[in-house]
Protein backbone atom coordinates (compact mmCIF):
# COMPACT_ATOMS: atom_id res chain seq x y z
CA MET A 1 -7.31 -6.85 9.87
CA LYS A 2 -9.16 -6.84 13.20
CA LEU A 3 -11.55 -3.88 13.26
CA PHE A 4 -13.75 -4.58 16.25
CA ASP A 5 -12.28 -3.90 19.67
CA LYS A 6 -13.03 -2.21 22.96
CA HIS A 7 -13.69 1.14 21.28
CA ARG A 8 -17.26 2.07 20.44
CA GLN A 9 -16.25 4.91 18.13
CA PHE A 10 -14.91 4.76 14.60
CA TRP A 11 -13.88 7.38 12.07
CA VAL A 12 -16.05 8.19 9.05
CA ILE A 13 -14.09 9.93 6.30
CA PHE A 14 -15.52 11.16 3.01
CA ASP A 15 -14.08 11.71 -0.46
CA THR A 16 -15.79 14.02 -2.95
CA SER A 17 -13.08 14.06 -5.66
CA GLN A 18 -13.88 17.48 -7.11
CA TYR A 19 -10.28 18.61 -7.45
CA PRO A 20 -7.76 16.98 -9.82
CA ALA A 21 -5.21 16.59 -7.01
CA TYR A 22 -7.67 14.46 -5.02
CA TYR A 23 -9.65 12.76 -7.78
CA ARG A 24 -7.34 9.73 -7.80
CA ASP A 25 -7.70 9.18 -4.05
CA VAL A 26 -10.75 6.93 -4.48
CA HIS A 27 -8.98 4.84 -7.14
CA ASP A 28 -5.89 4.45 -4.94
CA LEU A 29 -8.08 3.60 -1.97
CA LEU A 30 -9.82 0.81 -3.90
CA ALA A 31 -6.63 -0.55 -5.47
CA ALA A 32 -4.28 -0.65 -2.46
CA PRO A 33 -3.47 -4.07 -0.96
CA VAL A 34 -4.59 -4.84 2.58
CA GLY A 35 -2.17 -3.27 5.06
CA HIS A 36 -1.03 -0.48 2.73
CA VAL A 37 -0.90 2.93 4.42
CA LEU A 38 -2.38 5.99 2.72
CA ARG A 39 -2.35 9.62 3.82
CA TYR A 40 -5.29 12.03 3.62
CA GLN A 41 -5.23 15.68 4.58
CA TYR A 42 -8.14 17.95 5.44
CA ALA A 43 -8.42 21.54 6.53
CA ASP A 44 -9.20 21.72 10.22
CA ALA A 45 -12.53 23.39 9.46
CA TRP A 46 -13.81 20.24 7.70
CA LEU A 47 -13.62 18.14 10.86
CA SER A 48 -16.79 17.79 12.92
CA PRO A 49 -16.73 18.71 16.62
CA LYS A 50 -16.67 14.98 17.42
CA ALA A 51 -13.69 14.46 15.14
CA GLN A 52 -11.83 17.36 16.75
CA GLN A 53 -12.08 15.59 20.09
CA PHE A 54 -10.43 12.45 18.71
CA VAL A 55 -7.54 14.03 16.81
CA THR A 56 -5.20 13.28 19.71
CA SER A 57 -6.79 10.07 21.00
CA GLY A 58 -8.20 8.30 17.95
CA THR A 59 -5.03 6.99 16.34
CA GLN A 60 -6.07 3.33 16.63
CA LEU A 61 -9.78 3.60 15.84
CA PRO A 62 -11.36 1.74 12.90
CA ILE A 63 -12.31 3.76 9.82
CA LEU A 64 -15.17 3.72 7.35
CA LEU A 65 -14.42 5.58 4.11
CA ALA A 66 -17.16 6.69 1.73
CA TYR A 67 -17.54 8.63 -1.51
CA ALA A 68 -20.16 11.38 -1.78
CA GLN A 69 -21.46 13.31 -4.77
CA LYS A 70 -24.64 14.94 -6.00
CA ASN A 71 -26.86 12.61 -8.02
CA SER A 72 -26.14 14.69 -11.10
CA GLU A 73 -23.73 14.88 -13.98
CA TYR A 74 -20.57 16.82 -13.19
CA LYS A 75 -18.90 19.37 -15.43
CA ARG A 76 -15.10 19.29 -15.26
CA GLY A 77 -12.86 22.29 -15.48
CA GLU A 78 -9.10 22.48 -15.16
CA LYS A 79 -9.30 23.21 -11.45
CA LYS A 80 -12.58 21.71 -10.22
CA SER A 81 -15.61 19.65 -11.17
CA GLU A 82 -19.08 20.93 -10.32
CA PRO A 83 -22.50 19.23 -10.34
CA VAL A 84 -24.80 20.43 -13.09
CA ASP A 85 -27.70 20.24 -10.62
CA VAL A 86 -26.54 21.51 -7.23
CA THR A 87 -30.00 20.79 -5.76
CA ALA A 88 -29.82 17.06 -6.53
CA PRO A 89 -29.75 14.69 -3.53
CA THR A 90 -26.40 13.35 -2.32
CA VAL A 91 -25.35 9.81 -3.19
CA PHE A 92 -23.12 7.91 -0.75
CA ILE A 93 -21.04 4.89 -1.78
CA LEU A 94 -18.99 3.08 0.87
CA THR A 95 -15.48 2.41 -0.44
CA ARG A 96 -13.14 0.90 2.16
CA LEU A 97 -12.60 -0.12 5.77
CA GLY A 98 -9.37 0.44 7.65
CA ARG A 99 -7.65 1.54 10.83
CA MET A 100 -6.14 4.87 11.79
CA ARG A 101 -2.39 4.71 12.49
CA ASN A 102 -1.30 8.31 13.03
CA ILE A 103 -2.73 11.83 13.09
CA VAL A 104 -0.70 15.01 12.80
CA ARG A 105 -2.02 18.54 13.09
CA GLU A 106 0.08 21.17 11.34
CA GLY A 107 -1.26 24.68 11.29
CA SER A 108 -4.76 24.64 9.87
CA LYS A 109 -4.39 21.15 8.34
CA VAL A 110 -4.81 17.69 9.82
CA TYR A 111 -2.99 14.69 8.29
CA PHE A 112 -4.39 11.18 8.66
CA ASP A 113 -2.23 8.09 8.07
CA PHE A 114 -4.43 5.01 7.87
CA GLU A 115 -4.04 1.35 7.01
CA VAL A 116 -6.54 -0.05 4.51
CA GLY A 117 -8.44 -3.26 5.21
CA SER A 118 -11.39 -5.05 3.63
CA TYR A 119 -14.25 -3.67 1.52
CA PRO A 120 -17.68 -2.70 2.92
CA ASP A 121 -20.96 -4.20 1.69
CA ASN A 122 -23.07 -1.59 -0.13
CA ALA A 123 -25.94 -4.09 -0.38
CA LYS A 124 -26.72 -3.46 3.31
CA THR A 125 -28.80 -0.40 2.47
CA GLU A 126 -30.72 -0.29 5.76
CA ALA A 127 -27.53 -0.48 7.80
CA ILE A 128 -25.95 2.25 5.64
CA SER A 129 -28.97 4.52 6.08
CA GLY A 130 -28.97 3.87 9.82
CA LEU A 131 -25.27 4.68 10.05
CA LEU A 132 -25.18 7.77 7.82
CA GLY A 133 -28.62 9.15 8.74
CA PRO A 134 -27.58 10.69 12.08
CA LEU A 135 -24.50 12.19 10.44
CA VAL A 136 -26.66 13.79 7.74
CA THR A 137 -29.01 15.19 10.38
CA ALA A 138 -26.08 16.60 12.34
CA ASN A 139 -24.59 18.20 9.18
CA GLU A 140 -21.48 16.04 9.52
CA VAL A 141 -21.31 14.95 5.87
CA PRO A 142 -20.23 16.82 2.70
CA TRP A 143 -20.59 19.61 2.00
CA ASP A 144 -20.50 20.65 5.63
CA LYS A 145 -17.91 18.24 7.05
CA TRP A 146 -15.64 15.58 5.57
CA VAL A 147 -14.36 13.88 8.74
CA THR A 148 -16.45 12.77 11.69
CA VAL A 149 -16.85 10.03 14.31
CA SER A 150 -19.70 7.56 14.76
CA GLU A 151 -20.67 5.18 17.56
CA SER A 152 -22.92 2.91 15.45
CA GLN A 153 -20.67 -0.09 16.05
CA ASP A 154 -23.39 -2.70 15.34
CA LEU A 155 -24.12 -1.14 11.95
CA PHE A 156 -20.41 -0.88 11.22
CA ARG A 157 -20.12 -4.58 11.94
CA GLU A 158 -23.03 -5.33 9.60
CA ILE A 159 -21.63 -3.44 6.61
CA SER A 160 -18.27 -5.16 7.20
CA GLU A 161 -19.69 -8.59 6.36
CA GLY A 162 -19.38 -10.42 3.05
CA THR A 163 -16.39 -11.29 0.90
CA ASP A 164 -13.96 -8.80 -0.58
CA GLU A 165 -14.63 -10.23 -4.05
CA ASP A 166 -18.37 -9.55 -3.91
CA ASN A 167 -18.14 -6.25 -2.03
CA TRP A 168 -15.44 -4.82 -4.32
CA ALA A 169 -17.33 -5.83 -7.47
CA ARG A 170 -20.45 -4.10 -6.12
CA ILE A 171 -18.47 -0.93 -5.37
CA VAL A 172 -17.13 -0.91 -8.94
CA GLU A 173 -20.63 -1.23 -10.37
CA LEU A 174 -21.86 1.69 -8.27
CA LEU A 175 -18.89 3.96 -8.99
CA GLY A 176 -18.78 3.05 -12.67
CA ARG A 177 -22.40 3.99 -13.37
CA ALA A 178 -23.35 7.42 -14.72
CA PRO A 179 -23.76 10.08 -13.44
CA ILE A 180 -21.02 9.13 -10.96
CA GLN A 181 -17.78 10.94 -11.83
CA PHE A 182 -15.84 7.67 -12.18
CA ALA A 183 -17.99 6.23 -14.97
CA ASN A 184 -15.73 4.88 -17.77
CA ASP A 185 -12.66 4.86 -15.49
CA ALA A 186 -10.39 1.85 -14.86
CA PHE A 187 -10.94 -0.25 -11.74
CA TRP A 188 -8.40 -2.68 -10.33
CA ARG A 189 -7.08 -3.84 -6.98
CA LEU A 190 -4.07 -5.70 -5.60
CA LYS A 191 -3.86 -8.85 -3.51
CA GLY A 192 -0.59 -9.75 -1.83
CA PRO A 193 2.30 -9.57 -2.30
CA PHE A 194 3.01 -13.28 -1.92
CA LYS A 195 6.16 -15.33 -1.61
CA LYS A 196 7.00 -17.99 -4.19
CA ASN A 197 5.32 -20.63 -2.00
CA GLY A 198 2.14 -18.55 -1.80
CA ASP A 199 2.58 -17.19 1.74
CA LEU A 200 1.42 -13.63 2.22
CA ILE A 201 4.10 -10.99 2.84
CA LYS A 202 2.81 -8.63 5.51
CA PRO A 203 3.87 -4.98 5.40
CA ALA A 204 5.84 -3.29 8.16
CA LEU A 205 4.94 0.15 9.45
CA ARG A 206 7.77 2.68 9.15
CA LYS A 207 7.70 5.69 11.45
CA VAL A 208 9.18 9.03 10.45
CA ARG A 209 10.08 11.01 13.56
CA GLN A 210 10.89 14.63 14.19
CA ASN A 211 12.06 15.65 17.67
CA SER A 212 10.84 12.28 19.00
CA GLU A 213 7.34 12.90 17.59
CA VAL A 214 5.96 10.57 14.93
CA ARG A 215 5.23 12.83 11.96
CA ARG A 216 4.26 10.18 9.48
CA ILE A 217 3.66 6.44 9.20
CA SER A 218 4.07 4.57 5.93
CA SER A 219 4.06 0.91 4.92
CA GLU A 220 6.88 -1.09 3.38
CA TYR A 221 7.67 -4.70 2.56
CA VAL A 222 10.97 -5.93 3.97
CA VAL A 223 12.30 -8.65 1.67
CA ARG A 224 15.52 -10.62 1.48
CA GLU A 225 17.77 -10.80 -1.55
CA ASN A 226 17.20 -13.38 -4.29
CA LYS A 227 13.50 -13.83 -3.58
CA SER A 228 10.68 -14.36 -6.09
CA MET A 229 7.40 -12.60 -5.32
CA HIS A 230 4.12 -11.83 -7.01
CA LEU A 231 1.10 -9.56 -6.67
CA GLN A 232 -2.32 -10.52 -7.97
CA ILE A 233 -4.02 -7.72 -9.89
CA VAL A 234 -7.81 -8.06 -10.09
CA SER A 235 -9.69 -5.93 -12.61
CA SER A 236 -13.34 -5.32 -13.37
CA ILE A 237 -15.30 -3.38 -15.97
CA PRO A 238 -18.73 -2.02 -14.97
CA GLU A 239 -21.70 -3.17 -17.00
CA GLN A 240 -22.51 0.35 -18.17
CA VAL A 241 -19.60 1.78 -20.15
CA SER A 242 -19.54 4.00 -23.21
CA ALA A 243 -18.46 2.74 -26.61
CA ASP A 244 -15.47 5.09 -26.69
CA ARG A 245 -14.05 3.86 -23.37
CA PRO A 246 -10.30 3.20 -23.87
CA GLN A 247 -8.65 -0.15 -23.26
CA TYR A 248 -6.85 0.46 -20.01
CA LEU A 249 -3.58 -1.10 -18.89
CA VAL A 250 -1.60 -1.18 -15.69
CA GLU A 251 2.10 -0.61 -16.26
CA ALA A 252 4.59 -1.80 -13.64
CA GLU A 253 8.10 -0.45 -13.17
CA VAL A 254 10.65 -0.18 -10.37
CA THR A 255 12.13 3.13 -9.24
CA GLY A 256 14.78 3.95 -6.65
CA SER A 257 16.95 0.84 -6.96
CA GLU A 258 18.15 -1.78 -9.41
CA LYS A 259 17.80 -4.49 -6.76
CA LEU A 260 14.14 -5.09 -7.57
CA LYS A 261 13.08 -6.24 -11.02
CA VAL A 262 9.74 -6.89 -12.72
CA ILE A 263 9.60 -10.11 -14.74
CA GLY A 264 8.12 -9.78 -18.21
CA SER A 265 6.86 -6.78 -20.15
CA GLY A 266 5.40 -4.96 -17.16
CA GLY A 267 2.09 -4.32 -18.96
CA TYR A 268 -1.19 -5.83 -17.74
CA GLU A 269 -4.43 -5.45 -19.66
CA LEU A 270 -7.54 -4.75 -17.60
CA ARG A 271 -10.54 -6.89 -18.52
CA HIS A 272 -13.91 -7.69 -17.01
CA TYR A 273 -13.30 -9.40 -13.66
CA ASP A 274 -9.94 -10.84 -14.57
CA GLU A 275 -6.94 -11.70 -12.40
CA LYS A 276 -3.29 -11.61 -13.44
CA SER A 277 0.01 -12.17 -11.66
CA ILE A 278 2.67 -9.45 -11.44
CA GLU A 279 5.92 -11.34 -10.88
CA TYR A 280 9.08 -9.66 -9.62
CA VAL A 281 12.34 -10.58 -7.89
CA SER A 282 14.84 -9.11 -5.45
CA LEU A 283 18.50 -9.32 -6.50
CA GLU A 284 21.84 -9.84 -4.77
CA MET A 285 22.61 -7.36 -1.99
CA SER A 286 25.82 -6.21 -0.34
CA PRO A 287 26.33 -7.08 3.34
CA PHE A 288 24.74 -4.76 5.91
CA LYS A 289 23.10 -2.64 3.23
CA THR A 290 19.42 -1.93 2.60
CA ASP A 291 18.02 -0.61 -0.68
CA ALA A 292 14.65 1.12 -0.91
CA ALA A 293 12.76 0.41 -4.13
CA ASP A 294 9.24 1.36 -5.20
CA LEU A 295 7.18 -0.97 -7.34
CA VAL A 296 5.12 1.62 -9.23
CA LEU A 297 1.81 0.53 -10.74
CA GLN A 298 0.12 3.10 -12.95
CA THR A 299 -3.06 3.13 -15.03
CA THR A 300 -2.68 4.09 -18.70
CA PRO A 301 -3.89 5.90 -20.71
CA SER A 302 -4.82 8.64 -18.30
CA SER A 303 -5.48 12.34 -18.50
CA GLU A 304 -2.77 14.58 -17.10
CA ILE A 305 -5.40 16.46 -15.08
CA TRP A 306 -8.16 13.95 -14.25
CA THR A 307 -6.51 10.56 -13.81
CA ALA A 308 -8.67 7.61 -14.89
CA GLY A 309 -7.30 5.01 -12.49
CA ALA A 310 -5.02 4.23 -9.60
CA LYS A 311 -1.31 4.87 -9.29
CA LEU A 312 0.36 3.09 -6.38
CA ASP A 313 3.93 3.15 -5.11
CA ILE A 314 4.56 -0.08 -3.19
CA ARG A 315 7.71 0.46 -1.12
CA HIS A 316 10.14 -2.47 -0.69
CA SER A 317 13.26 -2.61 1.49
CA ILE A 318 15.68 -5.20 0.11
CA ARG A 319 18.51 -6.51 2.23
CA LYS A 320 20.75 -9.45 2.93
CA SER A 321 20.04 -11.22 6.20
CA HIS A 322 22.03 -9.54 8.97
CA TRP A 323 22.80 -12.94 10.46
CA ILE A 324 24.21 -14.15 7.14
CA SER A 325 26.23 -10.96 6.81
CA LEU A 326 27.59 -11.37 10.32
CA LEU A 327 28.39 -15.03 9.67
CA GLY A 328 30.23 -14.04 6.48
CA VAL A 329 32.28 -11.40 8.28
CA VAL A 330 33.23 -13.77 11.11
CA SER A 331 34.09 -16.50 8.61
CA GLY A 332 36.24 -14.05 6.64
CA VAL A 333 38.12 -12.82 9.73
CA VAL A 334 38.81 -16.37 10.92
CA GLY A 335 39.75 -17.52 7.40
CA LEU A 336 42.16 -14.63 6.89
CA THR A 337 43.70 -15.18 10.32
CA LEU A 338 44.21 -18.92 9.75
CA SER A 339 45.60 -18.55 6.23
CA THR A 340 48.04 -15.88 7.42
CA LEU A 341 48.99 -17.98 10.41
CA GLY A 342 49.49 -21.17 8.36
CA ALA A 343 51.87 -19.41 5.98
CA SER A 344 53.79 -17.64 8.74
CA GLU A 345 57.23 -18.33 10.17
CA LEU A 346 55.59 -20.04 13.17
CA PHE A 347 55.17 -23.18 11.08
CA LYS A 348 58.52 -22.99 9.30
CA ASN A 349 59.58 -26.24 10.93
CA ASP A 350 56.10 -27.81 10.94
CA ALA A 351 55.10 -27.49 7.31
CA LEU A 352 52.37 -30.16 7.42
CA ASN A 353 50.36 -28.54 10.19
CA GLY A 354 51.00 -25.14 8.67
CA PHE A 355 49.64 -26.39 5.37
CA LYS A 356 46.54 -27.79 7.10
CA ILE A 357 45.83 -24.50 8.85
CA LEU A 358 46.43 -22.61 5.59
CA MET A 359 43.96 -24.84 3.74
CA VAL A 360 41.29 -24.42 6.44
CA GLY A 361 41.77 -20.66 6.22
CA LEU A 362 41.46 -20.68 2.41
CA LEU A 363 38.34 -22.85 2.59
CA LEU A 364 36.81 -20.39 5.06
CA LEU A 365 37.62 -17.52 2.68
CA VAL A 366 35.90 -19.41 -0.15
CA ALA A 367 32.92 -19.99 2.17
CA THR A 368 32.94 -16.28 3.06
CA LYS A 369 32.74 -15.26 -0.58
CA TYR A 370 29.84 -17.63 -1.15
CA ILE A 371 27.99 -16.46 1.98
CA LEU A 372 28.33 -12.78 1.12
CA THR A 373 27.99 -12.89 -2.68
CA GLY A 374 26.55 -16.26 -3.61
CA LYS A 375 29.60 -16.85 -5.83
CA LEU A 376 32.53 -19.20 -5.45
CA GLU A 377 34.92 -17.84 -8.08
CA PHE A 378 37.54 -15.24 -7.22
CA GLY A 379 38.62 -12.25 -9.23
CA LYS A 380 35.15 -11.08 -10.34
């Protein structure tokens, strides 16, 4: 994903994960495949003055996402986690890069739809300090503000270097180390999806409109029927984990349609820097019909309140090619017309030509059935 363009500014958005409803956001952010669209919401009061200025004009700006917490153990309750030492310094861990796609203000809340990209390099400590330092001085970081805008484009470029493999592994080590809240959690990410031949399937952006206004943007993968696909799931276990840490799995299932199917058991064990393939297929579709199916990937076991890993819904739209459907319909109309014509009274005295036309029509009807259903036999 191209992040550097004519704009000097970029968004800086923070997670603090102190509420159960938002704790999983960091896990989902780290796990989502490139191009996947996520939605964050913040109260208007948590946007800096700079961010307020870009709510209507910053829909295509790059984004830097970061996690912030006090350098202290946290005590979890049913509704919120709190640092044991509220005076401890704040720790910042960069988590993801991306691009803003849509912003909607509704009452006192602002909704951000953004597309995730590569992973930032937390080893560039000087660049990180240079980028975040002015924001800290201006009180534009938690626990004053959660959304702001920076113009440190050169530093943004520097922390964007390196490979995703190295940068993601470093993020996992930082997040998985006590006293960070995510210590002992499950860490995994997705690459793909890929076609059978290994080509990457790029997501499409779907716009939800209301009175001609775009209210939400989401991502989906448009796939044809009878296609084999796979996602690569990469997992890592931090070096410092407790002895009672559970053995985590990712379970895959399809919801919303029977036209998408996971191959195999659907369970994938998470080990130290391991990579597995999640294979799945799209099935036969009716002409001119599209089915929406979600490939749901969920970490287990997980607390009902404080989830220990990501849960992603990867939307797929399965359909038969419109051109094939149109070809099938035209073939069927012509076949029916010819078979009716060949058996009609017009060829009562020209049986041979009538028979030829009838046979061509029947062959076209057979071809129609194969084009639309992939089957040659009748009566099923």
